[in-house]
Full PDB file with SEQRES, HELIX, SHEET, SSBOND, CRYST1, ORIGX, SCALE, CONECT and MASTER records, all heavy atoms in Angstrom:
SEQRES   1 A   36  LEU LYS PHE THR PHE LYS PRO LYS GLU THR ILE ASP THR          
SEQRES   2 A   36  VAL ALA MET MET TYR PHE LEU ASN TYR ALA ILE GLY ILE          
SEQRES   3 A   36  ILE GLY ALA LEU LEU SER LYS ILE GLY LEU                      
HELIX    1 AA1 PRO A    7  SER A   32  1                                  26    
CRYST1    1.000    1.000    1.000  90.00  90.00  90.00 P 1           1          
ORIGX1      1.000000  0.000000  0.000000        0.00000                         
ORIGX2      0.000000  1.000000  0.000000        0.00000                         
ORIGX3      0.000000  0.000000  1.000000        0.00000                         
SCALE1      1.000000  0.000000  0.000000        0.00000                         
SCALE2      0.000000  1.000000  0.000000        0.00000                         
SCALE3      0.000000  0.000000  1.000000        0.00000                         
ATOM      1  N   LEU A   1    -113.120 158.935  -5.765  1.00  0.00           N  
ATOM      2  CA  LEU A   1    -113.506 159.656  -4.552  1.00  0.00           C  
ATOM      3  C   LEU A   1    -113.328 161.155  -4.762  1.00  0.00           C  
ATOM      4  O   LEU A   1    -112.477 161.606  -5.526  1.00  0.00           O  
ATOM      5  CB  LEU A   1    -112.652 159.188  -3.362  1.00  0.00           C  
ATOM      6  CG  LEU A   1    -112.747 157.708  -3.004  1.00  0.00           C  
ATOM      7  CD1 LEU A   1    -111.726 157.355  -1.919  1.00  0.00           C  
ATOM      8  CD2 LEU A   1    -114.147 157.341  -2.542  1.00  0.00           C  
ATOM      9  N   LYS A   2    -114.125 161.934  -4.033  1.00  0.00           N  
ATOM     10  CA  LYS A   2    -114.043 163.393  -4.133  1.00  0.00           C  
ATOM     11  C   LYS A   2    -113.176 163.943  -2.999  1.00  0.00           C  
ATOM     12  O   LYS A   2    -113.370 163.586  -1.839  1.00  0.00           O  
ATOM     13  CB  LYS A   2    -115.445 164.004  -4.084  1.00  0.00           C  
ATOM     14  CG  LYS A   2    -116.320 163.612  -5.266  1.00  0.00           C  
ATOM     15  CD  LYS A   2    -117.693 164.245  -5.172  1.00  0.00           C  
ATOM     16  CE  LYS A   2    -118.571 163.822  -6.357  1.00  0.00           C  
ATOM     17  NZ  LYS A   2    -119.941 164.388  -6.266  1.00  0.00           N  
ATOM     18  N   PHE A   3    -112.246 164.830  -3.360  1.00  0.00           N  
ATOM     19  CA  PHE A   3    -111.334 165.438  -2.390  1.00  0.00           C  
ATOM     20  C   PHE A   3    -111.615 166.938  -2.286  1.00  0.00           C  
ATOM     21  O   PHE A   3    -110.708 167.765  -2.371  1.00  0.00           O  
ATOM     22  CB  PHE A   3    -109.880 165.183  -2.789  1.00  0.00           C  
ATOM     23  CG  PHE A   3    -109.451 163.747  -2.636  1.00  0.00           C  
ATOM     24  CD1 PHE A   3    -109.764 162.803  -3.618  1.00  0.00           C  
ATOM     25  CD2 PHE A   3    -108.753 163.332  -1.521  1.00  0.00           C  
ATOM     26  CE1 PHE A   3    -109.363 161.484  -3.487  1.00  0.00           C  
ATOM     27  CE2 PHE A   3    -108.360 162.006  -1.380  1.00  0.00           C  
ATOM     28  CZ  PHE A   3    -108.667 161.087  -2.368  1.00  0.00           C  
ATOM     29  N   THR A   4    -112.888 167.265  -2.100  1.00  0.00           N  
ATOM     30  CA  THR A   4    -113.303 168.663  -2.003  1.00  0.00           C  
ATOM     31  C   THR A   4    -112.938 169.232  -0.637  1.00  0.00           C  
ATOM     32  O   THR A   4    -113.258 168.636   0.398  1.00  0.00           O  
ATOM     33  CB  THR A   4    -114.821 168.791  -2.218  1.00  0.00           C  
ATOM     34  OG1 THR A   4    -115.192 168.076  -3.404  1.00  0.00           O  
ATOM     35  CG2 THR A   4    -115.226 170.246  -2.336  1.00  0.00           C  
ATOM     36  N   PHE A   5    -112.289 170.379  -0.627  1.00  0.00           N  
ATOM     37  CA  PHE A   5    -111.882 171.018   0.622  1.00  0.00           C  
ATOM     38  C   PHE A   5    -113.049 171.821   1.193  1.00  0.00           C  
ATOM     39  O   PHE A   5    -113.530 172.766   0.564  1.00  0.00           O  
ATOM     40  CB  PHE A   5    -110.671 171.926   0.393  1.00  0.00           C  
ATOM     41  CG  PHE A   5    -110.200 172.626   1.636  1.00  0.00           C  
ATOM     42  CD1 PHE A   5    -109.873 171.899   2.775  1.00  0.00           C  
ATOM     43  CD2 PHE A   5    -110.081 174.011   1.663  1.00  0.00           C  
ATOM     44  CE1 PHE A   5    -109.438 172.534   3.931  1.00  0.00           C  
ATOM     45  CE2 PHE A   5    -109.641 174.652   2.806  1.00  0.00           C  
ATOM     46  CZ  PHE A   5    -109.322 173.916   3.952  1.00  0.00           C  
ATOM     47  N   LYS A   6    -113.518 171.444   2.374  1.00  0.00           N  
ATOM     48  CA  LYS A   6    -114.632 172.116   3.042  1.00  0.00           C  
ATOM     49  C   LYS A   6    -114.207 172.433   4.481  1.00  0.00           C  
ATOM     50  O   LYS A   6    -114.394 171.618   5.389  1.00  0.00           O  
ATOM     51  CB  LYS A   6    -115.875 171.231   3.020  1.00  0.00           C  
ATOM     52  CG  LYS A   6    -116.363 170.909   1.609  1.00  0.00           C  
ATOM     53  CD  LYS A   6    -117.641 170.097   1.620  1.00  0.00           C  
ATOM     54  CE  LYS A   6    -118.129 169.833   0.195  1.00  0.00           C  
ATOM     55  NZ  LYS A   6    -119.407 169.100   0.151  1.00  0.00           N  
ATOM     56  N   PRO A   7    -113.606 173.613   4.695  1.00  0.00           N  
ATOM     57  CA  PRO A   7    -113.020 173.933   6.009  1.00  0.00           C  
ATOM     58  C   PRO A   7    -114.014 173.937   7.165  1.00  0.00           C  
ATOM     59  O   PRO A   7    -113.703 173.432   8.244  1.00  0.00           O  
ATOM     60  CB  PRO A   7    -112.400 175.319   5.797  1.00  0.00           C  
ATOM     61  CG  PRO A   7    -113.037 175.857   4.558  1.00  0.00           C  
ATOM     62  CD  PRO A   7    -113.386 174.694   3.721  1.00  0.00           C  
ATOM     63  N   LYS A   8    -115.217 174.491   6.957  1.00  0.00           N  
ATOM     64  CA  LYS A   8    -116.190 174.552   8.055  1.00  0.00           C  
ATOM     65  C   LYS A   8    -116.612 173.149   8.489  1.00  0.00           C  
ATOM     66  O   LYS A   8    -116.660 172.839   9.689  1.00  0.00           O  
ATOM     67  CB  LYS A   8    -117.426 175.344   7.645  1.00  0.00           C  
ATOM     68  CG  LYS A   8    -118.443 175.484   8.777  1.00  0.00           C  
ATOM     69  CD  LYS A   8    -119.677 176.241   8.334  1.00  0.00           C  
ATOM     70  CE  LYS A   8    -120.654 176.395   9.499  1.00  0.00           C  
ATOM     71  NZ  LYS A   8    -121.062 175.091  10.085  1.00  0.00           N  
ATOM     72  N   GLU A   9    -116.942 172.311   7.511  1.00  0.00           N  
ATOM     73  CA  GLU A   9    -117.357 170.938   7.826  1.00  0.00           C  
ATOM     74  C   GLU A   9    -116.215 170.160   8.492  1.00  0.00           C  
ATOM     75  O   GLU A   9    -116.456 169.331   9.374  1.00  0.00           O  
ATOM     76  CB  GLU A   9    -117.808 170.215   6.561  1.00  0.00           C  
ATOM     77  CG  GLU A   9    -119.147 170.688   6.005  1.00  0.00           C  
ATOM     78  CD  GLU A   9    -119.042 171.969   5.202  1.00  0.00           C  
ATOM     79  OE1 GLU A   9    -117.917 172.513   5.113  1.00  0.00           O  
ATOM     80  OE2 GLU A   9    -120.059 172.427   4.656  1.00  0.00           O  
ATOM     81  N   THR A  10    -114.978 170.444   8.082  1.00  0.00           N  
ATOM     82  CA  THR A  10    -113.824 169.771   8.684  1.00  0.00           C  
ATOM     83  C   THR A  10    -113.679 170.167  10.147  1.00  0.00           C  
ATOM     84  O   THR A  10    -113.478 169.310  11.018  1.00  0.00           O  
ATOM     85  CB  THR A  10    -112.530 170.125   7.923  1.00  0.00           C  
ATOM     86  OG1 THR A  10    -112.680 169.746   6.547  1.00  0.00           O  
ATOM     87  CG2 THR A  10    -111.343 169.408   8.524  1.00  0.00           C  
ATOM     88  N   ILE A  11    -113.782 171.461  10.431  1.00  0.00           N  
ATOM     89  CA  ILE A  11    -113.676 171.939  11.813  1.00  0.00           C  
ATOM     90  C   ILE A  11    -114.818 171.387  12.662  1.00  0.00           C  
ATOM     91  O   ILE A  11    -114.624 170.972  13.814  1.00  0.00           O  
ATOM     92  CB  ILE A  11    -113.660 173.487  11.858  1.00  0.00           C  
ATOM     93  CG1 ILE A  11    -112.389 174.008  11.180  1.00  0.00           C  
ATOM     94  CG2 ILE A  11    -113.746 173.994  13.289  1.00  0.00           C  
ATOM     95  CD1 ILE A  11    -112.366 175.510  10.989  1.00  0.00           C  
ATOM     96  N   ASP A  12    -116.026 171.380  12.096  1.00  0.00           N  
ATOM     97  CA  ASP A  12    -117.187 170.826  12.815  1.00  0.00           C  
ATOM     98  C   ASP A  12    -116.934 169.355  13.176  1.00  0.00           C  
ATOM     99  O   ASP A  12    -117.245 168.922  14.300  1.00  0.00           O  
ATOM    100  CB  ASP A  12    -118.447 170.935  11.952  1.00  0.00           C  
ATOM    101  CG  ASP A  12    -118.925 172.374  11.806  1.00  0.00           C  
ATOM    102  OD1 ASP A  12    -118.405 173.248  12.505  1.00  0.00           O  
ATOM    103  OD2 ASP A  12    -119.822 172.599  10.972  1.00  0.00           O  
ATOM    104  N   THR A  13    -116.389 168.609  12.235  1.00  0.00           N  
ATOM    105  CA  THR A  13    -116.133 167.182  12.455  1.00  0.00           C  
ATOM    106  C   THR A  13    -115.097 166.976  13.554  1.00  0.00           C  
ATOM    107  O   THR A  13    -115.279 166.133  14.446  1.00  0.00           O  
ATOM    108  CB  THR A  13    -115.653 166.509  11.150  1.00  0.00           C  
ATOM    109  OG1 THR A  13    -116.579 166.783  10.101  1.00  0.00           O  
ATOM    110  CG2 THR A  13    -115.532 165.005  11.328  1.00  0.00           C  
ATOM    111  N   VAL A  14    -114.008 167.743  13.506  1.00  0.00           N  
ATOM    112  CA  VAL A  14    -112.978 167.647  14.540  1.00  0.00           C  
ATOM    113  C   VAL A  14    -113.566 167.957  15.907  1.00  0.00           C  
ATOM    114  O   VAL A  14    -113.318 167.249  16.896  1.00  0.00           O  
ATOM    115  CB  VAL A  14    -111.809 168.613  14.246  1.00  0.00           C  
ATOM    116  CG1 VAL A  14    -110.832 168.639  15.427  1.00  0.00           C  
ATOM    117  CG2 VAL A  14    -111.077 168.199  12.985  1.00  0.00           C  
ATOM    118  N   ALA A  15    -114.360 169.020  15.979  1.00  0.00           N  
ATOM    119  CA  ALA A  15    -114.921 169.445  17.265  1.00  0.00           C  
ATOM    120  C   ALA A  15    -115.870 168.397  17.847  1.00  0.00           C  
ATOM    121  O   ALA A  15    -115.809 168.093  19.049  1.00  0.00           O  
ATOM    122  CB  ALA A  15    -115.661 170.773  17.087  1.00  0.00           C  
ATOM    123  N   MET A  16    -116.726 167.820  17.012  1.00  0.00           N  
ATOM    124  CA  MET A  16    -117.658 166.806  17.506  1.00  0.00           C  
ATOM    125  C   MET A  16    -116.919 165.553  17.964  1.00  0.00           C  
ATOM    126  O   MET A  16    -117.250 164.968  19.004  1.00  0.00           O  
ATOM    127  CB  MET A  16    -118.685 166.463  16.410  1.00  0.00           C  
ATOM    128  CG  MET A  16    -119.704 167.562  16.172  1.00  0.00           C  
ATOM    129  SD  MET A  16    -121.033 167.081  15.041  1.00  0.00           S  
ATOM    130  CE  MET A  16    -120.163 167.074  13.477  1.00  0.00           C  
ATOM    131  N   MET A  17    -115.906 165.142  17.195  1.00  0.00           N  
ATOM    132  CA  MET A  17    -115.116 163.987  17.602  1.00  0.00           C  
ATOM    133  C   MET A  17    -114.386 164.256  18.910  1.00  0.00           C  
ATOM    134  O   MET A  17    -114.337 163.393  19.791  1.00  0.00           O  
ATOM    135  CB  MET A  17    -114.098 163.627  16.508  1.00  0.00           C  
ATOM    136  CG  MET A  17    -114.677 162.947  15.298  1.00  0.00           C  
ATOM    137  SD  MET A  17    -113.366 162.216  14.260  1.00  0.00           S  
ATOM    138  CE  MET A  17    -112.399 163.648  13.867  1.00  0.00           C  
ATOM    139  N   TYR A  18    -113.816 165.442  19.020  1.00  0.00           N  
ATOM    140  CA  TYR A  18    -113.027 165.741  20.213  1.00  0.00           C  
ATOM    141  C   TYR A  18    -113.905 165.820  21.454  1.00  0.00           C  
ATOM    142  O   TYR A  18    -113.490 165.399  22.541  1.00  0.00           O  
ATOM    143  CB  TYR A  18    -112.254 167.046  20.036  1.00  0.00           C  
ATOM    144  CG  TYR A  18    -111.084 167.131  20.987  1.00  0.00           C  
ATOM    145  CD1 TYR A  18    -109.922 166.401  20.740  1.00  0.00           C  
ATOM    146  CD2 TYR A  18    -111.146 167.901  22.139  1.00  0.00           C  
ATOM    147  CE1 TYR A  18    -108.860 166.448  21.618  1.00  0.00           C  
ATOM    148  CE2 TYR A  18    -110.090 167.955  23.024  1.00  0.00           C  
ATOM    149  CZ  TYR A  18    -108.945 167.225  22.754  1.00  0.00           C  
ATOM    150  OH  TYR A  18    -107.892 167.258  23.635  1.00  0.00           O  
ATOM    151  N   PHE A  19    -115.117 166.343  21.294  1.00  0.00           N  
ATOM    152  CA  PHE A  19    -116.029 166.370  22.440  1.00  0.00           C  
ATOM    153  C   PHE A  19    -116.352 164.952  22.901  1.00  0.00           C  
ATOM    154  O   PHE A  19    -116.332 164.659  24.101  1.00  0.00           O  
ATOM    155  CB  PHE A  19    -117.324 167.103  22.087  1.00  0.00           C  
ATOM    156  CG  PHE A  19    -118.408 166.885  23.114  1.00  0.00           C  
ATOM    157  CD1 PHE A  19    -118.363 167.507  24.348  1.00  0.00           C  
ATOM    158  CD2 PHE A  19    -119.467 166.021  22.848  1.00  0.00           C  
ATOM    159  CE1 PHE A  19    -119.339 167.285  25.307  1.00  0.00           C  
ATOM    160  CE2 PHE A  19    -120.450 165.789  23.790  1.00  0.00           C  
ATOM    161  CZ  PHE A  19    -120.390 166.434  25.034  1.00  0.00           C  
ATOM    162  N   LEU A  20    -116.667 164.069  21.947  1.00  0.00           N  
ATOM    163  CA  LEU A  20    -116.976 162.677  22.297  1.00  0.00           C  
ATOM    164  C   LEU A  20    -115.782 161.995  22.948  1.00  0.00           C  
ATOM    165  O   LEU A  20    -115.925 161.283  23.949  1.00  0.00           O  
ATOM    166  CB  LEU A  20    -117.417 161.912  21.052  1.00  0.00           C  
ATOM    167  CG  LEU A  20    -118.777 162.310  20.467  1.00  0.00           C  
ATOM    168  CD1 LEU A  20    -119.024 161.591  19.148  1.00  0.00           C  
ATOM    169  CD2 LEU A  20    -119.901 162.011  21.448  1.00  0.00           C  
ATOM    170  N   ASN A  21    -114.589 162.202  22.390  1.00  0.00           N  
ATOM    171  CA  ASN A  21    -113.381 161.607  22.970  1.00  0.00           C  
ATOM    172  C   ASN A  21    -113.117 162.146  24.373  1.00  0.00           C  
ATOM    173  O   ASN A  21    -112.683 161.405  25.266  1.00  0.00           O  
ATOM    174  CB  ASN A  21    -112.164 161.885  22.076  1.00  0.00           C  
ATOM    175  CG  ASN A  21    -112.176 161.072  20.802  1.00  0.00           C  
ATOM    176  OD1 ASN A  21    -112.844 160.046  20.713  1.00  0.00           O  
ATOM    177  ND2 ASN A  21    -111.449 161.514  19.804  1.00  0.00           N  
ATOM    178  N   TYR A  22    -113.374 163.437  24.551  1.00  0.00           N  
ATOM    179  CA  TYR A  22    -113.167 164.063  25.862  1.00  0.00           C  
ATOM    180  C   TYR A  22    -114.136 163.481  26.884  1.00  0.00           C  
ATOM    181  O   TYR A  22    -113.742 163.148  28.014  1.00  0.00           O  
ATOM    182  CB  TYR A  22    -113.373 165.571  25.737  1.00  0.00           C  
ATOM    183  CG  TYR A  22    -112.962 166.364  26.953  1.00  0.00           C  
ATOM    184  CD1 TYR A  22    -111.621 166.695  27.159  1.00  0.00           C  
ATOM    185  CD2 TYR A  22    -113.903 166.788  27.887  1.00  0.00           C  
ATOM    186  CE1 TYR A  22    -111.238 167.435  28.269  1.00  0.00           C  
ATOM    187  CE2 TYR A  22    -113.525 167.521  29.007  1.00  0.00           C  
ATOM    188  CZ  TYR A  22    -112.192 167.840  29.192  1.00  0.00           C  
ATOM    189  OH  TYR A  22    -111.817 168.560  30.304  1.00  0.00           O  
ATOM    190  N   ALA A  23    -115.402 163.332  26.480  1.00  0.00           N  
ATOM    191  CA  ALA A  23    -116.414 162.772  27.385  1.00  0.00           C  
ATOM    192  C   ALA A  23    -116.104 161.317  27.721  1.00  0.00           C  
ATOM    193  O   ALA A  23    -116.202 160.903  28.888  1.00  0.00           O  
ATOM    194  CB  ALA A  23    -117.801 162.894  26.755  1.00  0.00           C  
ATOM    195  N   ILE A  24    -115.706 160.544  26.712  1.00  0.00           N  
ATOM    196  CA  ILE A  24    -115.359 159.139  26.939  1.00  0.00           C  
ATOM    197  C   ILE A  24    -114.105 159.037  27.805  1.00  0.00           C  
ATOM    198  O   ILE A  24    -113.980 158.141  28.645  1.00  0.00           O  
ATOM    199  CB  ILE A  24    -115.154 158.411  25.598  1.00  0.00           C  
ATOM    200  CG1 ILE A  24    -116.490 158.335  24.847  1.00  0.00           C  
ATOM    201  CG2 ILE A  24    -114.609 157.003  25.810  1.00  0.00           C  
ATOM    202  CD1 ILE A  24    -116.361 157.878  23.411  1.00  0.00           C  
ATOM    203  N   GLY A  25    -113.169 159.983  27.613  1.00  0.00           N  
ATOM    204  CA  GLY A  25    -111.957 160.005  28.423  1.00  0.00           C  
ATOM    205  C   GLY A  25    -112.257 160.210  29.893  1.00  0.00           C  
ATOM    206  O   GLY A  25    -111.619 159.603  30.767  1.00  0.00           O  
ATOM    207  N   ILE A  26    -113.227 161.063  30.183  1.00  0.00           N  
ATOM    208  CA  ILE A  26    -113.640 161.293  31.572  1.00  0.00           C  
ATOM    209  C   ILE A  26    -114.236 160.015  32.159  1.00  0.00           C  
ATOM    210  O   ILE A  26    -113.924 159.629  33.295  1.00  0.00           O  
ATOM    211  CB  ILE A  26    -114.651 162.455  31.647  1.00  0.00           C  
ATOM    212  CG1 ILE A  26    -113.963 163.771  31.267  1.00  0.00           C  
ATOM    213  CG2 ILE A  26    -115.259 162.552  33.041  1.00  0.00           C  
ATOM    214  CD1 ILE A  26    -114.908 164.951  31.202  1.00  0.00           C  
ATOM    215  N   ILE A  27    -115.093 159.367  31.384  1.00  0.00           N  
ATOM    216  CA  ILE A  27    -115.688 158.101  31.843  1.00  0.00           C  
ATOM    217  C   ILE A  27    -114.603 157.056  32.076  1.00  0.00           C  
ATOM    218  O   ILE A  27    -114.616 156.325  33.075  1.00  0.00           O  
ATOM    219  CB  ILE A  27    -116.721 157.588  30.820  1.00  0.00           C  
ATOM    220  CG1 ILE A  27    -117.881 158.574  30.699  1.00  0.00           C  
ATOM    221  CG2 ILE A  27    -117.228 156.200  31.209  1.00  0.00           C  
ATOM    222  CD1 ILE A  27    -118.854 158.255  29.582  1.00  0.00           C  
ATOM    223  N   GLY A  28    -113.625 156.991  31.151  1.00  0.00           N  
ATOM    224  CA  GLY A  28    -112.524 156.035  31.293  1.00  0.00           C  
ATOM    225  C   GLY A  28    -111.699 156.307  32.541  1.00  0.00           C  
ATOM    226  O   GLY A  28    -111.263 155.369  33.222  1.00  0.00           O  
ATOM    227  N   ALA A  29    -111.485 157.589  32.845  1.00  0.00           N  
ATOM    228  CA  ALA A  29    -110.730 157.943  34.049  1.00  0.00           C  
ATOM    229  C   ALA A  29    -111.468 157.497  35.306  1.00  0.00           C  
ATOM    230  O   ALA A  29    -110.851 157.031  36.275  1.00  0.00           O  
ATOM    231  CB  ALA A  29    -110.476 159.449  34.081  1.00  0.00           C  
ATOM    232  N   LEU A  30    -112.795 157.632  35.284  1.00  0.00           N  
ATOM    233  CA  LEU A  30    -113.595 157.191  36.434  1.00  0.00           C  
ATOM    234  C   LEU A  30    -113.551 155.669  36.566  1.00  0.00           C  
ATOM    235  O   LEU A  30    -113.454 155.137  37.681  1.00  0.00           O  
ATOM    236  CB  LEU A  30    -115.041 157.670  36.279  1.00  0.00           C  
ATOM    237  CG  LEU A  30    -115.253 159.190  36.326  1.00  0.00           C  
ATOM    238  CD1 LEU A  30    -116.712 159.532  36.024  1.00  0.00           C  
ATOM    239  CD2 LEU A  30    -114.860 159.738  37.706  1.00  0.00           C  
ATOM    240  N   LEU A  31    -113.607 154.968  35.418  1.00  0.00           N  
ATOM    241  CA  LEU A  31    -113.558 153.503  35.454  1.00  0.00           C  
ATOM    242  C   LEU A  31    -112.199 152.993  35.929  1.00  0.00           C  
ATOM    243  O   LEU A  31    -112.100 151.928  36.550  1.00  0.00           O  
ATOM    244  CB  LEU A  31    -113.868 152.931  34.071  1.00  0.00           C  
ATOM    245  CG  LEU A  31    -115.315 153.084  33.584  1.00  0.00           C  
ATOM    246  CD1 LEU A  31    -115.452 152.581  32.149  1.00  0.00           C  
ATOM    247  CD2 LEU A  31    -116.275 152.343  34.497  1.00  0.00           C  
ATOM    248  N   SER A  32    -111.130 153.759  35.627  1.00  0.00           N  
ATOM    249  CA  SER A  32    -109.802 153.343  36.070  1.00  0.00           C  
ATOM    250  C   SER A  32    -109.692 153.362  37.592  1.00  0.00           C  
ATOM    251  O   SER A  32    -108.843 152.666  38.166  1.00  0.00           O  
ATOM    252  CB  SER A  32    -108.732 154.254  35.461  1.00  0.00           C  
ATOM    253  OG  SER A  32    -108.841 155.574  35.972  1.00  0.00           O  
ATOM    254  N   LYS A  33    -110.547 154.148  38.224  1.00  0.00           N  
ATOM    255  CA  LYS A  33    -110.544 154.210  39.691  1.00  0.00           C  
ATOM    256  C   LYS A  33    -111.042 152.904  40.303  1.00  0.00           C  
ATOM    257  O   LYS A  33    -110.735 152.597  41.459  1.00  0.00           O  
ATOM    258  CB  LYS A  33    -111.429 155.367  40.167  1.00  0.00           C  
ATOM    259  CG  LYS A  33    -111.010 156.746  39.673  1.00  0.00           C  
ATOM    260  CD  LYS A  33    -109.673 157.170  40.240  1.00  0.00           C  
ATOM    261  CE  LYS A  33    -109.312 158.584  39.791  1.00  0.00           C  
ATOM    262  NZ  LYS A  33    -107.984 159.005  40.315  1.00  0.00           N  
ATOM    263  N   ILE A  34    -111.805 152.134  39.500  1.00  0.00           N  
ATOM    264  CA  ILE A  34    -112.321 150.862  40.028  1.00  0.00           C  
ATOM    265  C   ILE A  34    -111.542 149.668  39.467  1.00  0.00           C  
ATOM    266  O   ILE A  34    -111.995 148.543  39.545  1.00  0.00           O  
ATOM    267  CB  ILE A  34    -113.829 150.707  39.729  1.00  0.00           C  
ATOM    268  CG1 ILE A  34    -114.091 150.712  38.214  1.00  0.00           C  
ATOM    269  CG2 ILE A  34    -114.633 151.803  40.414  1.00  0.00           C  
ATOM    270  CD1 ILE A  34    -115.536 150.432  37.845  1.00  0.00           C  
ATOM    271  N   GLY A  35    -110.398 149.972  38.839  1.00  0.00           N  
ATOM    272  CA  GLY A  35    -109.506 148.885  38.434  1.00  0.00           C  
ATOM    273  C   GLY A  35    -109.460 148.567  36.961  1.00  0.00           C  
ATOM    274  O   GLY A  35    -108.734 147.658  36.558  1.00  0.00           O  
ATOM    275  N   LEU A  36    -110.217 149.287  36.101  1.00  0.00           N  
ATOM    276  CA  LEU A  36    -110.154 149.012  34.662  1.00  0.00           C  
ATOM    277  C   LEU A  36    -108.840 149.551  34.117  1.00  0.00           C  
ATOM    278  O   LEU A  36    -108.561 150.752  34.226  1.00  0.00           O  
ATOM    279  CB  LEU A  36    -111.323 149.679  33.929  1.00  0.00           C  
ATOM    280  CG  LEU A  36    -111.399 149.418  32.423  1.00  0.00           C  
ATOM    281  CD1 LEU A  36    -111.729 147.962  32.153  1.00  0.00           C  
ATOM    282  CD2 LEU A  36    -112.424 150.321  31.755  1.00  0.00           C  
TER     283      LEU A  36                                                      
MASTER        0    0    0    1    0    0    0    6  282    1    0    3          
END                                                                             
C-alpha cells in the first residue's frame, strides 16, 4: 500500500465526511422527536 502524505486531499476528505455526518445528525435529531 502507498502511504503518500497529501494534506489538501486529507482536509477535503475530512470536510466532506463531516458535512455528511452533520447533515445526517440533523435528520437523526428530527427522527428522535418521533421516537427513534
